């Protein structure tokens, strides 16, 4: 399980933790946790990738139910395509 150092007083897994304490955490790490091992660094990177995605998209919502938490391989449409605009290649 990923290990983190608490960098802001936090309520995690039913416990109040203060700055400097270390915690094993399997959830999506937030700004309040500093990764201490490779597993934690990987979890933080995945969380950052998910944060850059369109949370309103169908693919994102489906990924929330994936047991491994990894993004699907679906390419999400560009903002223009979502708005119904067609992109025409010039050339």
Protein backbone atom coordinates (compact mmCIF):
# COMPACT_ATOMS: atom_id res chain seq x y z
CA UNK A 1 0.00 0.00 0.00
CA UNK A 2 1.20 3.51 -0.80
CA UNK A 3 2.82 5.46 2.03
CA UNK A 4 2.52 9.23 2.48
CA UNK A 5 3.58 12.01 4.84
CA UNK A 6 0.78 14.34 5.89
CA UNK A 7 1.64 17.93 4.93
CA UNK A 8 -1.61 19.52 6.12
CA UNK A 9 -3.74 18.44 9.09
CA UNK A 10 -6.21 15.98 7.61
CA UNK A 11 -9.01 13.58 8.39
CA UNK A 12 -8.06 10.31 6.63
CA UNK A 13 -9.59 6.84 7.00
CA UNK A 14 -11.55 7.93 10.05
CA UNK A 15 -8.54 9.40 11.87
CA UNK A 16 -7.33 12.94 12.40
CA UNK A 17 -3.69 13.18 11.31
CA UNK A 18 -1.35 16.10 11.92
CA UNK A 19 1.49 17.49 9.81
CA UNK A 20 4.48 15.13 9.73
CA UNK A 21 2.62 11.91 10.46
CA UNK A 22 2.94 9.04 8.00
CA UNK A 23 0.00 7.04 6.71
CA UNK A 24 -0.66 4.06 4.43
CA UNK A 25 -3.42 5.09 2.03
CA UNK A 26 -5.01 3.23 -0.88
CA UNK A 27 -7.27 6.05 -2.10
CA UNK A 28 -6.64 8.87 -4.53
CA UNK A 29 -4.02 11.12 -2.90
CA UNK A 30 -4.80 14.78 -2.50
CA UNK A 31 -2.72 17.91 -2.03
CA UNK A 32 -2.40 17.09 1.68
CA UNK A 33 -0.25 13.99 1.13
CA UNK A 34 3.42 13.81 0.15
CA UNK A 35 4.38 10.49 -1.53
CA UNK A 36 7.08 8.52 0.28
CA UNK A 37 7.46 5.47 -1.97
CA UNK A 38 7.18 4.46 -5.62
CA UNK A 39 3.61 3.23 -5.23
CA UNK A 40 2.56 6.57 -3.75
CA UNK A 41 4.37 8.52 -6.49
CA UNK A 42 2.62 6.41 -9.12
CA UNK A 43 -0.78 6.98 -7.47
CA UNK A 44 -0.18 10.73 -7.39
CA UNK A 45 0.80 10.72 -11.09
CA UNK A 46 -2.38 8.81 -11.99
CA UNK A 47 -4.44 11.25 -9.94
CA UNK A 48 -2.84 14.14 -11.82
CA UNK A 49 -3.68 12.53 -15.16
CA UNK A 50 -7.28 12.07 -14.12
CA UNK A 51 -7.48 15.68 -13.00
CA UNK A 52 -6.58 16.84 -16.51
CA UNK A 53 -9.50 14.91 -18.03
CA UNK A 54 -13.00 16.14 -18.75
CA UNK A 55 -14.88 14.85 -15.71
CA UNK A 56 -18.18 15.24 -17.54
CA UNK A 57 -17.20 12.78 -20.27
CA UNK A 58 -18.70 9.32 -20.49
CA UNK A 59 -15.25 7.69 -20.61
CA UNK A 60 -14.20 9.40 -17.37
CA UNK A 61 -17.39 8.34 -15.61
CA UNK A 62 -16.90 4.74 -16.76
CA UNK A 63 -13.31 4.80 -15.52
CA UNK A 64 -14.52 5.62 -12.01
CA UNK A 65 -15.93 2.10 -11.80
CA UNK A 66 -12.76 0.36 -13.01
CA UNK A 67 -11.22 -1.68 -10.18
CA UNK A 68 -7.66 -0.65 -11.07
CA UNK A 69 -8.53 3.06 -11.37
CA UNK A 70 -6.60 3.31 -14.64
CA UNK A 71 -7.97 5.45 -17.45
CA UNK A 72 -9.55 3.61 -20.34
CA UNK A 73 -7.98 3.62 -23.75
CA UNK A 74 -10.88 5.67 -25.20
CA UNK A 75 -9.86 8.91 -26.80
CA UNK A 76 -12.11 11.68 -25.58
CA UNK A 77 -13.36 14.07 -28.26
CA UNK A 78 -11.88 17.55 -28.44
CA UNK A 79 -13.86 20.44 -26.98
CA UNK A 80 -14.91 21.56 -30.51
CA UNK A 81 -16.29 18.10 -31.27
CA UNK A 82 -18.22 18.06 -28.00
CA UNK A 83 -19.80 21.38 -28.93
CA UNK A 84 -20.92 19.89 -32.26
CA UNK A 85 -18.43 21.83 -34.33
CA UNK A 86 -16.68 20.00 -37.13
CA UNK A 87 -13.01 20.55 -37.66
CA UNK A 88 -11.99 20.84 -41.28
CA UNK A 89 -8.40 20.17 -42.23
CA UNK A 90 -6.92 22.90 -44.38
CA UNK A 91 -4.43 22.02 -46.95
